[in-house]
Amino acid sequence: MKKLIRNTWQTVTTSSLAGRLLVVLIVLVVLAAAMILSGPKPPGDFDPLFRPTPLPVIEGTTTAAQPPAILSSEYKLTNGVVLAVVSILVIVILGTLLYIRRYNRKTRG
């Protein structure tokens, strides 16, 4: 099993096409995970343009001050997006560092 993994890794690192395909596959997996983690989807009957009917104003009632708005409850929905952005940045940074390392080895030796 170790030999198979070692041979596969050597093939990926020496072949630019296999490496590029692997990177594309990793990015697609990260994006799919981000879509799954980004939260629940609205139901089929959800209408984003729906406006509730305003309540009638009744005379003689006093209006109390409205409490401060509650912070958005959509923080949990952004976890997938944050994960995707961080993952793609890590992939790009690691790829850049590996390229620089390989380039330095080729030019020096």
C-alpha atoms as a PDB file:
ATOM      1  CA  MET A   1       0.000   0.000   0.000  1.00  0.00           C
ATOM      2  CA  LYS A   2       2.844   2.392   0.826  1.00  0.00           C
ATOM      3  CA  LYS A   3       4.453   1.692  -2.531  1.00  0.00           C
ATOM      4  CA  LEU A   4       1.209   2.470  -4.376  1.00  0.00           C
ATOM      5  CA  ILE A   5       0.796   5.768  -2.535  1.00  0.00           C
ATOM      6  CA  ARG A   6       4.456   6.656  -3.121  1.00  0.00           C
ATOM      7  CA  ASN A   7       4.190   5.864  -6.851  1.00  0.00           C
ATOM      8  CA  THR A   8       0.970   7.850  -7.148  1.00  0.00           C
ATOM      9  CA  TRP A   9       2.504  10.823  -5.328  1.00  0.00           C
ATOM     10  CA  GLN A  10       5.576  10.692  -7.566  1.00  0.00           C
ATOM     11  CA  THR A  11       3.370  10.606 -10.671  1.00  0.00           C
ATOM     12  CA  VAL A  12       1.364  13.612  -9.455  1.00  0.00           C
ATOM     13  CA  THR A  13       4.450  15.654  -8.530  1.00  0.00           C
ATOM     14  CA  THR A  14       6.327  14.924 -11.762  1.00  0.00           C
ATOM     15  CA  SER A  15       3.375  15.304 -14.142  1.00  0.00           C
ATOM     16  CA  SER A  16       2.065  18.837 -14.476  1.00  0.00           C
ATOM     17  CA  LEU A  17      -1.252  17.647 -15.932  1.00  0.00           C
ATOM     18  CA  ALA A  18      -1.978  15.272 -13.049  1.00  0.00           C
ATOM     19  CA  GLY A  19      -1.057  17.977 -10.537  1.00  0.00           C
ATOM     20  CA  ARG A  20      -3.331  20.501 -12.167  1.00  0.00           C
ATOM     21  CA  LEU A  21      -6.195  18.019 -12.303  1.00  0.00           C
ATOM     22  CA  LEU A  22      -5.677  17.273  -8.622  1.00  0.00           C
ATOM     23  CA  VAL A  23      -5.782  20.975  -7.742  1.00  0.00           C
ATOM     24  CA  VAL A  24      -8.990  21.462  -9.758  1.00  0.00           C
ATOM     25  CA  LEU A  25     -10.529  18.454  -8.019  1.00  0.00           C
ATOM     26  CA  ILE A  26      -9.566  19.794  -4.582  1.00  0.00           C
ATOM     27  CA  VAL A  27     -11.032  23.223  -5.359  1.00  0.00           C
ATOM     28  CA  LEU A  28     -14.288  21.655  -6.574  1.00  0.00           C
ATOM     29  CA  VAL A  29     -14.532  19.559  -3.412  1.00  0.00           C
ATOM     30  CA  VAL A  30     -13.945  22.653  -1.267  1.00  0.00           C
ATOM     31  CA  LEU A  31     -16.642  24.577  -3.136  1.00  0.00           C
ATOM     32  CA  ALA A  32     -19.100  21.689  -2.795  1.00  0.00           C
ATOM     33  CA  ALA A  33     -18.386  21.515   0.937  1.00  0.00           C
ATOM     34  CA  ALA A  34     -18.928  25.277   1.192  1.00  0.00           C
ATOM     35  CA  MET A  35     -22.310  25.003  -0.505  1.00  0.00           C
ATOM     36  CA  ILE A  36     -23.357  22.209   1.826  1.00  0.00           C
ATOM     37  CA  LEU A  37     -22.149  24.073   4.923  1.00  0.00           C
ATOM     38  CA  SER A  38     -23.614  27.421   3.904  1.00  0.00           C
ATOM     39  CA  GLY A  39     -26.862  26.591   5.602  1.00  0.00           C
ATOM     40  CA  PRO A  40     -30.408  25.520   4.971  1.00  0.00           C
ATOM     41  CA  LYS A  41     -32.134  26.555   1.809  1.00  0.00           C
ATOM     42  CA  PRO A  42     -35.493  28.360   1.918  1.00  0.00           C
ATOM     43  CA  PRO A  43     -38.596  26.257   1.322  1.00  0.00           C
ATOM     44  CA  GLY A  44     -40.126  26.007  -2.137  1.00  0.00           C
ATOM     45  CA  ASP A  45     -42.975  28.413  -1.311  1.00  0.00           C
ATOM     46  CA  PHE A  46     -40.582  31.162  -0.127  1.00  0.00           C
ATOM     47  CA  ASP A  47     -41.284  34.476  -1.847  1.00  0.00           C
ATOM     48  CA  PRO A  48     -38.514  37.069  -1.370  1.00  0.00           C
ATOM     49  CA  LEU A  49     -40.747  39.848  -2.723  1.00  0.00           C
ATOM     50  CA  PHE A  50     -43.568  39.244  -0.220  1.00  0.00           C
ATOM     51  CA  ARG A  51     -44.483  42.342   1.804  1.00  0.00           C
ATOM     52  CA  PRO A  52     -46.633  41.946   4.892  1.00  0.00           C
ATOM     53  CA  THR A  53     -49.768  44.053   5.101  1.00  0.00           C
ATOM     54  CA  PRO A  54     -49.186  47.030   7.408  1.00  0.00           C
ATOM     55  CA  LEU A  55     -51.250  47.095  10.596  1.00  0.00           C
ATOM     56  CA  PRO A  56     -53.909  49.800  10.819  1.00  0.00           C
ATOM     57  CA  VAL A  57     -53.153  52.734  13.109  1.00  0.00           C
ATOM     58  CA  ILE A  58     -55.549  52.921  16.036  1.00  0.00           C
ATOM     59  CA  GLU A  59     -56.228  56.337  17.547  1.00  0.00           C
ATOM     60  CA  GLY A  60     -55.403  56.920  21.163  1.00  0.00           C
ATOM     61  CA  THR A  61     -52.633  54.385  21.406  1.00  0.00           C
ATOM     62  CA  THR A  62     -49.127  55.341  22.282  1.00  0.00           C
ATOM     63  CA  THR A  63     -46.177  54.003  20.436  1.00  0.00           C
ATOM     64  CA  ALA A  64     -43.383  52.675  22.567  1.00  0.00           C
ATOM     65  CA  ALA A  65     -39.796  52.904  21.525  1.00  0.00           C
ATOM     66  CA  GLN A  66     -38.747  49.941  19.475  1.00  0.00           C
ATOM     67  CA  PRO A  67     -36.049  47.748  20.999  1.00  0.00           C
ATOM     68  CA  PRO A  68     -32.726  47.729  19.180  1.00  0.00           C
ATOM     69  CA  ALA A  69     -32.595  45.456  16.187  1.00  0.00           C
ATOM     70  CA  ILE A  70     -31.369  41.954  16.830  1.00  0.00           C
ATOM     71  CA  LEU A  71     -28.148  41.156  15.081  1.00  0.00           C
ATOM     72  CA  SER A  72     -28.503  39.008  12.021  1.00  0.00           C
ATOM     73  CA  SER A  73     -29.029  35.343  12.687  1.00  0.00           C
ATOM     74  CA  GLU A  74     -27.287  34.494   9.427  1.00  0.00           C
ATOM     75  CA  TYR A  75     -23.830  34.222  10.970  1.00  0.00           C
ATOM     76  CA  LYS A  76     -24.108  30.432  10.844  1.00  0.00           C
ATOM     77  CA  LEU A  77     -24.907  30.602   7.136  1.00  0.00           C
ATOM     78  CA  THR A  78     -21.571  32.203   6.320  1.00  0.00           C
ATOM     79  CA  ASN A  79     -19.476  29.394   7.809  1.00  0.00           C
ATOM     80  CA  GLY A  80     -19.349  27.565   4.478  1.00  0.00           C
ATOM     81  CA  VAL A  81     -18.297  30.666   2.581  1.00  0.00           C
ATOM     82  CA  VAL A  82     -15.559  31.476   5.080  1.00  0.00           C
ATOM     83  CA  LEU A  83     -14.350  27.874   4.944  1.00  0.00           C
ATOM     84  CA  ALA A  84     -14.219  27.960   1.148  1.00  0.00           C
ATOM     85  CA  VAL A  85     -12.302  31.237   1.008  1.00  0.00           C
ATOM     86  CA  VAL A  86      -9.778  30.135   3.626  1.00  0.00           C
ATOM     87  CA  SER A  87      -9.319  26.742   1.955  1.00  0.00           C
ATOM     88  CA  ILE A  88      -8.753  28.238  -1.481  1.00  0.00           C
ATOM     89  CA  LEU A  89      -6.289  30.756  -0.055  1.00  0.00           C
ATOM     90  CA  VAL A  90      -4.366  27.939   1.649  1.00  0.00           C
ATOM     91  CA  ILE A  91      -4.304  25.977  -1.618  1.00  0.00           C
ATOM     92  CA  VAL A  92      -3.014  28.987  -3.562  1.00  0.00           C
ATOM     93  CA  ILE A  93      -0.371  29.834  -0.955  1.00  0.00           C
ATOM     94  CA  LEU A  94       0.837  26.220  -0.710  1.00  0.00           C
ATOM     95  CA  GLY A  95       0.962  25.934  -4.497  1.00  0.00           C
ATOM     96  CA  THR A  96       2.957  29.137  -4.745  1.00  0.00           C
ATOM     97  CA  LEU A  97       5.420  28.013  -2.075  1.00  0.00           C
ATOM     98  CA  LEU A  98       5.863  24.610  -3.728  1.00  0.00           C
ATOM     99  CA  TYR A  99       6.446  26.259  -7.106  1.00  0.00           C
ATOM    100  CA  ILE A 100       9.017  28.655  -5.677  1.00  0.00           C
ATOM    101  CA  ARG A 101      10.790  25.785  -3.930  1.00  0.00           C
ATOM    102  CA  ARG A 102      10.856  23.679  -7.103  1.00  0.00           C
ATOM    103  CA  TYR A 103      12.019  26.658  -9.209  1.00  0.00           C
ATOM    104  CA  ASN A 104      14.873  27.394  -6.778  1.00  0.00           C
ATOM    105  CA  ARG A 105      16.013  23.766  -6.915  1.00  0.00           C
ATOM    106  CA  LYS A 106      16.041  23.761 -10.724  1.00  0.00           C
ATOM    107  CA  THR A 107      17.978  27.025 -11.052  1.00  0.00           C
ATOM    108  CA  ARG A 108      20.553  26.236  -8.371  1.00  0.00           C
ATOM    109  CA  GLY A 109      21.260  22.619  -9.126  1.00  0.00           C
END
